[in-house]
Amino acid sequence: MTGVRELNLLLTAGDLRPGQLAVVAATGHFLLIAGCLALFLRLRPSLKRWGQFLAGGVLAVGYLVLIVFSTGPQFIGMMRRVFGL
């Protein structure tokens, strides 16, 4: 709920605080994912294409986890909680 409040504050006040930067980034990522999915669905994908699409998503998340584990050891505990490891 805090993220929604921060986004509302950003839209109404117009100033960007450091805490709001994550909200802006997350909103952008969700819009990007929604756009990719919408355009992918317009292609009327076959089962093979769905497999490729999902494999690409899994690879992207795996790459994120690899980056965090190799360059941001302070975030390993958070990643374990998020992914239930």
PDB file of N, CA and C in Angstrom:
ATOM      1  N   MET A   1       0.814  -1.197   0.000  1.00  0.00           N
ATOM      2  CA  MET A   1       0.000   0.000   0.000  1.00  0.00           C
ATOM      3  C   MET A   1       0.857   1.261   0.000  1.00  0.00           C
ATOM      4  N   THR A   2       2.042   1.182   0.571  1.00  0.00           N
ATOM      5  CA  THR A   2       2.921   2.338   0.608  1.00  0.00           C
ATOM      6  C   THR A   2       3.303   2.776  -0.800  1.00  0.00           C
ATOM      7  N   GLY A   3       3.537   1.809  -1.692  1.00  0.00           N
ATOM      8  CA  GLY A   3       3.895   2.143  -3.064  1.00  0.00           C
ATOM      9  C   GLY A   3       2.811   2.931  -3.769  1.00  0.00           C
ATOM     10  N   VAL A   4       1.560   2.554  -3.547  1.00  0.00           N
ATOM     11  CA  VAL A   4       0.437   3.268  -4.155  1.00  0.00           C
ATOM     12  C   VAL A   4       0.371   4.687  -3.606  1.00  0.00           C
ATOM     13  N   ARG A   5       0.592   4.838  -2.314  1.00  0.00           N
ATOM     14  CA  ARG A   5       0.593   6.160  -1.700  1.00  0.00           C
ATOM     15  C   ARG A   5       1.718   7.027  -2.275  1.00  0.00           C
ATOM     16  N   GLU A   6       2.882   6.420  -2.439  1.00  0.00           N
ATOM     17  CA  GLU A   6       4.026   7.168  -2.998  1.00  0.00           C
ATOM     18  C   GLU A   6       3.748   7.583  -4.437  1.00  0.00           C
ATOM     19  N   LEU A   7       3.131   6.688  -5.221  1.00  0.00           N
ATOM     20  CA  LEU A   7       2.798   7.021  -6.608  1.00  0.00           C
ATOM     21  C   LEU A   7       1.783   8.157  -6.645  1.00  0.00           C
ATOM     22  N   ASN A   8       0.784   8.108  -5.779  1.00  0.00           N
ATOM     23  CA  ASN A   8      -0.204   9.177  -5.714  1.00  0.00           C
ATOM     24  C   ASN A   8       0.455  10.505  -5.357  1.00  0.00           C
ATOM     25  N   LEU A   9       1.378  10.474  -4.412  1.00  0.00           N
ATOM     26  CA  LEU A   9       2.094  11.686  -4.027  1.00  0.00           C
ATOM     27  C   LEU A   9       2.922  12.229  -5.192  1.00  0.00           C
ATOM     28  N   LEU A  10       3.534  11.333  -5.934  1.00  0.00           N
ATOM     29  CA  LEU A  10       4.318  11.764  -7.094  1.00  0.00           C
ATOM     30  C   LEU A  10       3.424  12.430  -8.132  1.00  0.00           C
ATOM     31  N   LEU A  11       2.265  11.829  -8.390  1.00  0.00           N
ATOM     32  CA  LEU A  11       1.372  12.367  -9.417  1.00  0.00           C
ATOM     33  C   LEU A  11       0.716  13.674  -8.986  1.00  0.00           C
ATOM     34  N   THR A  12       0.426  13.818  -7.708  1.00  0.00           N
ATOM     35  CA  THR A  12      -0.233  15.046  -7.251  1.00  0.00           C
ATOM     36  C   THR A  12       0.751  16.168  -6.957  1.00  0.00           C
ATOM     37  N   ALA A  13       1.861  15.855  -6.309  1.00  0.00           N
ATOM     38  CA  ALA A  13       2.822  16.897  -5.927  1.00  0.00           C
ATOM     39  C   ALA A  13       3.805  17.210  -7.055  1.00  0.00           C
ATOM     40  N   GLY A  14       4.121  16.210  -7.859  1.00  0.00           N
ATOM     41  CA  GLY A  14       5.013  16.431  -8.983  1.00  0.00           C
ATOM     42  C   GLY A  14       6.494  16.381  -8.663  1.00  0.00           C
ATOM     43  N   ASP A  15       6.848  16.148  -7.410  1.00  0.00           N
ATOM     44  CA  ASP A  15       8.262  16.058  -7.091  1.00  0.00           C
ATOM     45  C   ASP A  15       8.639  14.608  -6.820  1.00  0.00           C
ATOM     46  N   LEU A  16       9.863  14.279  -7.153  1.00  0.00           N
ATOM     47  CA  LEU A  16      10.346  12.904  -7.041  1.00  0.00           C
ATOM     48  C   LEU A  16      11.290  12.798  -5.853  1.00  0.00           C
ATOM     49  N   ARG A  17      10.854  12.058  -4.847  1.00  0.00           N
ATOM     50  CA  ARG A  17      11.702  11.787  -3.686  1.00  0.00           C
ATOM     51  C   ARG A  17      12.441  10.484  -3.914  1.00  0.00           C
ATOM     52  N   PRO A  18      13.549  10.262  -3.212  1.00  0.00           N
ATOM     53  CA  PRO A  18      14.308   9.016  -3.405  1.00  0.00           C
ATOM     54  C   PRO A  18      13.463   7.756  -3.189  1.00  0.00           C
ATOM     55  N   GLY A  19      12.536   7.780  -2.242  1.00  0.00           N
ATOM     56  CA  GLY A  19      11.691   6.625  -1.987  1.00  0.00           C
ATOM     57  C   GLY A  19      10.726   6.335  -3.119  1.00  0.00           C
ATOM     58  N   GLN A  20      10.425   7.342  -3.922  1.00  0.00           N
ATOM     59  CA  GLN A  20       9.483   7.176  -5.020  1.00  0.00           C
ATOM     60  C   GLN A  20      10.132   6.604  -6.267  1.00  0.00           C
ATOM     61  N   LEU A  21      11.423   6.650  -6.331  1.00  0.00           N
ATOM     62  CA  LEU A  21      12.111   6.176  -7.527  1.00  0.00           C
ATOM     63  C   LEU A  21      11.822   4.704  -7.801  1.00  0.00           C
ATOM     64  N   ALA A  22      11.757   3.898  -6.760  1.00  0.00           N
ATOM     65  CA  ALA A  22      11.449   2.475  -6.933  1.00  0.00           C
ATOM     66  C   ALA A  22      10.037   2.285  -7.462  1.00  0.00           C
ATOM     67  N   VAL A  23       9.107   3.142  -7.047  1.00  0.00           N
ATOM     68  CA  VAL A  23       7.726   3.050  -7.529  1.00  0.00           C
ATOM     69  C   VAL A  23       7.670   3.360  -9.018  1.00  0.00           C
ATOM     70  N   VAL A  24       8.395   4.376  -9.435  1.00  0.00           N
ATOM     71  CA  VAL A  24       8.440   4.734 -10.853  1.00  0.00           C
ATOM     72  C   VAL A  24       9.054   3.595 -11.669  1.00  0.00           C
ATOM     73  N   ALA A  25      10.141   3.033 -11.166  1.00  0.00           N
ATOM     74  CA  ALA A  25      10.798   1.931 -11.876  1.00  0.00           C
ATOM     75  C   ALA A  25       9.889   0.710 -11.960  1.00  0.00           C
ATOM     76  N   ALA A  26       9.225   0.364 -10.873  1.00  0.00           N
ATOM     77  CA  ALA A  26       8.325  -0.799 -10.879  1.00  0.00           C
ATOM     78  C   ALA A  26       7.154  -0.577 -11.822  1.00  0.00           C
ATOM     79  N   THR A  27       6.588   0.621 -11.820  1.00  0.00           N
ATOM     80  CA  THR A  27       5.484   0.933 -12.733  1.00  0.00           C
ATOM     81  C   THR A  27       5.934   0.793 -14.171  1.00  0.00           C
ATOM     82  N   GLY A  28       7.107   1.299 -14.482  1.00  0.00           N
ATOM     83  CA  GLY A  28       7.630   1.169 -15.844  1.00  0.00           C
ATOM     84  C   GLY A  28       7.832  -0.277 -16.251  1.00  0.00           C
ATOM     85  N   HIS A  29       8.336  -1.092 -15.340  1.00  0.00           N
ATOM     86  CA  HIS A  29       8.544  -2.509 -15.654  1.00  0.00           C
ATOM     87  C   HIS A  29       7.225  -3.235 -15.878  1.00  0.00           C
ATOM     88  N   PHE A  30       6.229  -2.957 -15.037  1.00  0.00           N
ATOM     89  CA  PHE A  30       4.930  -3.604 -15.221  1.00  0.00           C
ATOM     90  C   PHE A  30       4.282  -3.187 -16.534  1.00  0.00           C
ATOM     91  N   LEU A  31       4.422  -1.920 -16.915  1.00  0.00           N
ATOM     92  CA  LEU A  31       3.891  -1.470 -18.205  1.00  0.00           C
ATOM     93  C   LEU A  31       4.630  -2.139 -19.364  1.00  0.00           C
ATOM     94  N   LEU A  32       5.922  -2.282 -19.247  1.00  0.00           N
ATOM     95  CA  LEU A  32       6.711  -2.947 -20.279  1.00  0.00           C
ATOM     96  C   LEU A  32       6.307  -4.412 -20.431  1.00  0.00           C
ATOM     97  N   ILE A  33       6.136  -5.107 -19.321  1.00  0.00           N
ATOM     98  CA  ILE A  33       5.717  -6.512 -19.356  1.00  0.00           C
ATOM     99  C   ILE A  33       4.326  -6.634 -19.965  1.00  0.00           C
ATOM    100  N   ALA A  34       3.401  -5.748 -19.560  1.00  0.00           N
ATOM    101  CA  ALA A  34       2.038  -5.783 -20.104  1.00  0.00           C
ATOM    102  C   ALA A  34       2.058  -5.529 -21.611  1.00  0.00           C
ATOM    103  N   GLY A  35       2.873  -4.581 -22.058  1.00  0.00           N
ATOM    104  CA  GLY A  35       2.975  -4.303 -23.491  1.00  0.00           C
ATOM    105  C   GLY A  35       3.536  -5.478 -24.270  1.00  0.00           C
ATOM    106  N   CYS A  36       4.563  -6.115 -23.735  1.00  0.00           N
ATOM    107  CA  CYS A  36       5.140  -7.289 -24.399  1.00  0.00           C
ATOM    108  C   CYS A  36       4.115  -8.411 -24.510  1.00  0.00           C
ATOM    109  N   LEU A  37       3.384  -8.646 -23.441  1.00  0.00           N
ATOM    110  CA  LEU A  37       2.373  -9.699 -23.443  1.00  0.00           C
ATOM    111  C   LEU A  37       1.243  -9.376 -24.417  1.00  0.00           C
ATOM    112  N   ALA A  38       0.795  -8.122 -24.440  1.00  0.00           N
ATOM    113  CA  ALA A  38      -0.279  -7.725 -25.348  1.00  0.00           C
ATOM    114  C   ALA A  38       0.129  -7.918 -26.815  1.00  0.00           C
ATOM    115  N   LEU A  39       1.329  -7.487 -27.158  1.00  0.00           N
ATOM    116  CA  LEU A  39       1.788  -7.647 -28.538  1.00  0.00           C
ATOM    117  C   LEU A  39       2.045  -9.110 -28.874  1.00  0.00           C
ATOM    118  N   PHE A  40       2.523  -9.873 -27.922  1.00  0.00           N
ATOM    119  CA  PHE A  40       2.739 -11.301 -28.145  1.00  0.00           C
ATOM    120  C   PHE A  40       1.408 -12.002 -28.422  1.00  0.00           C
ATOM    121  N   LEU A  41       0.373 -11.629 -27.685  1.00  0.00           N
ATOM    122  CA  LEU A  41      -0.942 -12.245 -27.888  1.00  0.00           C
ATOM    123  C   LEU A  41      -1.533 -11.901 -29.260  1.00  0.00           C
ATOM    124  N   ARG A  42      -1.190 -10.740 -29.797  1.00  0.00           N
ATOM    125  CA  ARG A  42      -1.674 -10.360 -31.134  1.00  0.00           C
ATOM    126  C   ARG A  42      -1.112 -11.260 -32.226  1.00  0.00           C
ATOM    127  N   LEU A  43       0.008 -11.911 -31.939  1.00  0.00           N
ATOM    128  CA  LEU A  43       0.614 -12.816 -32.924  1.00  0.00           C
ATOM    129  C   LEU A  43      -0.104 -14.164 -33.009  1.00  0.00           C
ATOM    130  N   ARG A  44      -1.025 -14.412 -32.093  1.00  0.00           N
ATOM    131  CA  ARG A  44      -1.714 -15.708 -31.989  1.00  0.00           C
ATOM    132  C   ARG A  44      -0.673 -16.831 -31.942  1.00  0.00           C
ATOM    133  N   PRO A  45       0.092 -16.850 -30.861  1.00  0.00           N
ATOM    134  CA  PRO A  45       1.234 -17.761 -30.776  1.00  0.00           C
ATOM    135  C   PRO A  45       0.834 -19.231 -30.660  1.00  0.00           C
ATOM    136  N   SER A  46       1.681 -20.067 -31.224  1.00  0.00           N
ATOM    137  CA  SER A  46       1.507 -21.515 -31.102  1.00  0.00           C
ATOM    138  C   SER A  46       2.052 -21.956 -29.744  1.00  0.00           C
ATOM    139  N   LEU A  47       1.873 -23.221 -29.438  1.00  0.00           N
ATOM    140  CA  LEU A  47       2.368 -23.756 -28.170  1.00  0.00           C
ATOM    141  C   LEU A  47       3.889 -23.630 -28.082  1.00  0.00           C
ATOM    142  N   LYS A  48       4.570 -23.835 -29.221  1.00  0.00           N
ATOM    143  CA  LYS A  48       6.030 -23.703 -29.243  1.00  0.00           C
ATOM    144  C   LYS A  48       6.449 -22.273 -28.913  1.00  0.00           C
ATOM    145  N   ARG A  49       5.746 -21.300 -29.468  1.00  0.00           N
ATOM    146  CA  ARG A  49       6.063 -19.894 -29.195  1.00  0.00           C
ATOM    147  C   ARG A  49       5.815 -19.537 -27.728  1.00  0.00           C
ATOM    148  N   TRP A  50       4.743 -20.102 -27.132  1.00  0.00           N
ATOM    149  CA  TRP A  50       4.484 -19.871 -25.710  1.00  0.00           C
ATOM    150  C   TRP A  50       5.644 -20.396 -24.879  1.00  0.00           C
ATOM    151  N   GLY A  51       6.156 -21.558 -25.250  1.00  0.00           N
ATOM    152  CA  GLY A  51       7.294 -22.124 -24.543  1.00  0.00           C
ATOM    153  C   GLY A  51       8.511 -21.222 -24.627  1.00  0.00           C
ATOM    154  N   GLN A  52       8.759 -20.678 -25.814  1.00  0.00           N
ATOM    155  CA  GLN A  52       9.882 -19.766 -25.993  1.00  0.00           C
ATOM    156  C   GLN A  52       9.691 -18.475 -25.191  1.00  0.00           C
ATOM    157  N   PHE A  53       8.463 -17.975 -25.188  1.00  0.00           N
ATOM    158  CA  PHE A  53       8.147 -16.755 -24.453  1.00  0.00           C
ATOM    159  C   PHE A  53       8.375 -16.957 -22.954  1.00  0.00           C
ATOM    160  N   LEU A  54       7.880 -18.053 -22.426  1.00  0.00           N
ATOM    161  CA  LEU A  54       8.045 -18.337 -21.003  1.00  0.00           C
ATOM    162  C   LEU A  54       9.500 -18.644 -20.653  1.00  0.00           C
ATOM    163  N   ALA A  55      10.193 -19.336 -21.541  1.00  0.00           N
ATOM    164  CA  ALA A  55      11.616 -19.619 -21.301  1.00  0.00           C
ATOM    165  C   ALA A  55      12.412 -18.320 -21.252  1.00  0.00           C
ATOM    166  N   GLY A  56      12.070 -17.377 -22.106  1.00  0.00           N
ATOM    167  CA  GLY A  56      12.739 -16.077 -22.073  1.00  0.00           C
ATOM    168  C   GLY A  56      12.507 -15.360 -20.760  1.00  0.00           C
ATOM    169  N   GLY A  57      11.287 -15.440 -20.233  1.00  0.00           N
ATOM    170  CA  GLY A  57      10.994 -14.835 -18.936  1.00  0.00           C
ATOM    171  C   GLY A  57      11.786 -15.477 -17.816  1.00  0.00           C
ATOM    172  N   VAL A  58      11.867 -16.799 -17.848  1.00  0.00           N
ATOM    173  CA  VAL A  58      12.627 -17.518 -16.818  1.00  0.00           C
ATOM    174  C   VAL A  58      14.110 -17.157 -16.905  1.00  0.00           C
ATOM    175  N   LEU A  59      14.641 -17.079 -18.112  1.00  0.00           N
ATOM    176  CA  LEU A  59      16.041 -16.685 -18.283  1.00  0.00           C
ATOM    177  C   LEU A  59      16.296 -15.264 -17.775  1.00  0.00           C
ATOM    178  N   ALA A  60      15.357 -14.356 -18.024  1.00  0.00           N
ATOM    179  CA  ALA A  60      15.527 -12.978 -17.566  1.00  0.00           C
ATOM    180  C   ALA A  60      15.549 -12.904 -16.038  1.00  0.00           C
ATOM    181  N   VAL A  61      14.645 -13.628 -15.382  1.00  0.00           N
ATOM    182  CA  VAL A  61      14.625 -13.631 -13.917  1.00  0.00           C
ATOM    183  C   VAL A  61      15.889 -14.299 -13.383  1.00  0.00           C
ATOM    184  N   GLY A  62      16.324 -15.377 -14.028  1.00  0.00           N
ATOM    185  CA  GLY A  62      17.556 -16.039 -13.619  1.00  0.00           C
ATOM    186  C   GLY A  62      18.759 -15.117 -13.737  1.00  0.00           C
ATOM    187  N   TYR A  63      18.794 -14.324 -14.794  1.00  0.00           N
ATOM    188  CA  TYR A  63      19.884 -13.370 -14.988  1.00  0.00           C
ATOM    189  C   TYR A  63      19.863 -12.311 -13.885  1.00  0.00           C
ATOM    190  N   LEU A  64      18.671 -11.832 -13.511  1.00  0.00           N
ATOM    191  CA  LEU A  64      18.543 -10.873 -12.426  1.00  0.00           C
ATOM    192  C   LEU A  64      19.094 -11.451 -11.125  1.00  0.00           C
ATOM    193  N   VAL A  65      18.717 -12.689 -10.827  1.00  0.00           N
ATOM    194  CA  VAL A  65      19.193 -13.333  -9.609  1.00  0.00           C
ATOM    195  C   VAL A  65      20.713 -13.474  -9.648  1.00  0.00           C
ATOM    196  N   LEU A  66      21.266 -13.851 -10.792  1.00  0.00           N
ATOM    197  CA  LEU A  66      22.715 -13.977 -10.938  1.00  0.00           C
ATOM    198  C   LEU A  66      23.416 -12.640 -10.697  1.00  0.00           C
ATOM    199  N   ILE A  67      22.857 -11.570 -11.243  1.00  0.00           N
ATOM    200  CA  ILE A  67      23.446 -10.240 -11.043  1.00  0.00           C
ATOM    201  C   ILE A  67      23.435  -9.873  -9.564  1.00  0.00           C
ATOM    202  N   VAL A  68      22.307 -10.112  -8.899  1.00  0.00           N
ATOM    203  CA  VAL A  68      22.201  -9.747  -7.485  1.00  0.00           C
ATOM    204  C   VAL A  68      23.184 -10.552  -6.652  1.00  0.00           C
ATOM    205  N   PHE A  69      23.272 -11.855  -6.908  1.00  0.00           N
ATOM    206  CA  PHE A  69      24.170 -12.688  -6.119  1.00  0.00           C
ATOM    207  C   PHE A  69      25.635 -12.347  -6.372  1.00  0.00           C
ATOM    208  N   SER A  70      25.963 -11.904  -7.580  1.00  0.00           N
ATOM    209  CA  SER A  70      27.378 -11.642  -7.872  1.00  0.00           C
ATOM    210  C   SER A  70      27.806 -10.214  -7.548  1.00  0.00           C
ATOM    211  N   THR A  71      26.910  -9.242  -7.606  1.00  0.00           N
ATOM    212  CA  THR A  71      27.322  -7.854  -7.397  1.00  0.00           C
ATOM    213  C   THR A  71      26.691  -7.185  -6.181  1.00  0.00           C
ATOM    214  N   GLY A  72      25.631  -7.759  -5.642  1.00  0.00           N
ATOM    215  CA  GLY A  72      24.959  -7.131  -4.510  1.00  0.00           C
ATOM    216  C   GLY A  72      24.705  -8.101  -3.385  1.00  0.00           C
ATOM    217  N   PRO A  73      25.761  -8.582  -2.742  1.00  0.00           N
ATOM    218  CA  PRO A  73      25.574  -9.598  -1.704  1.00  0.00           C
ATOM    219  C   PRO A  73      24.663  -9.141  -0.561  1.00  0.00           C
ATOM    220  N   GLN A  74      24.515  -7.836  -0.372  1.00  0.00           N
ATOM    221  CA  GLN A  74      23.644  -7.355   0.692  1.00  0.00           C
ATOM    222  C   GLN A  74      22.170  -7.641   0.387  1.00  0.00           C
ATOM    223  N   PHE A  75      21.846  -7.967  -0.871  1.00  0.00           N
ATOM    224  CA  PHE A  75      20.462  -8.237  -1.259  1.00  0.00           C
ATOM    225  C   PHE A  75      20.130  -9.725  -1.335  1.00  0.00           C
ATOM    226  N   ILE A  76      21.078 -10.593  -1.042  1.00  0.00           N
ATOM    227  CA  ILE A  76      20.849 -12.040  -1.154  1.00  0.00           C
ATOM    228  C   ILE A  76      19.727 -12.484  -0.224  1.00  0.00           C
ATOM    229  N   GLY A  77      19.684 -11.992   0.995  1.00  0.00           N
ATOM    230  CA  GLY A  77      18.613 -12.366   1.924  1.00  0.00           C
ATOM    231  C   GLY A  77      17.244 -11.988   1.395  1.00  0.00           C
ATOM    232  N   MET A  78      17.153 -10.799   0.795  1.00  0.00           N
ATOM    233  CA  MET A  78      15.889 -10.356   0.222  1.00  0.00           C
ATOM    234  C   MET A  78      15.477 -11.253  -0.946  1.00  0.00           C
ATOM    235  N   MET A  79      16.424 -11.603  -1.810  1.00  0.00           N
ATOM    236  CA  MET A  79      16.112 -12.466  -2.959  1.00  0.00           C
ATOM    237  C   MET A  79      15.648 -13.838  -2.501  1.00  0.00           C
ATOM    238  N   ARG A  80      16.250 -14.351  -1.433  1.00  0.00           N
ATOM    239  CA  ARG A  80      15.829 -15.651  -0.909  1.00  0.00           C
ATOM    240  C   ARG A  80      14.401 -15.586  -0.401  1.00  0.00           C
ATOM    241  N   ARG A  81      14.047 -14.501   0.263  1.00  0.00           N
ATOM    242  CA  ARG A  81      12.665 -14.360   0.755  1.00  0.00           C
ATOM    243  C   ARG A  81      11.690 -14.225  -0.401  1.00  0.00           C
ATOM    244  N   VAL A  82      12.047 -13.444  -1.415  1.00  0.00           N
ATOM    245  CA  VAL A  82      11.155 -13.219  -2.543  1.00  0.00           C
ATOM    246  C   VAL A  82      10.892 -14.502  -3.308  1.00  0.00           C
ATOM    247  N   PHE A  83      11.937 -15.287  -3.549  1.00  0.00           N
ATOM    248  CA  PHE A  83      11.795 -16.505  -4.347  1.00  0.00           C
ATOM    249  C   PHE A  83      11.626 -17.756  -3.491  1.00  0.00           C
ATOM    250  N   GLY A  84      11.508 -17.603  -2.181  1.00  0.00           N
ATOM    251  CA  GLY A  84      11.261 -18.732  -1.290  1.00  0.00           C
ATOM    252  C   GLY A  84      12.403 -19.740  -1.244  1.00  0.00           C
ATOM    253  N   LEU A  85      13.617 -19.274  -1.318  1.00  0.00           N
ATOM    254  CA  LEU A  85      14.787 -20.159  -1.309  1.00  0.00           C
ATOM    255  C   LEU A  85      15.341 -20.315   0.089  1.00  0.00           C
TER     256      LEU A  85
END
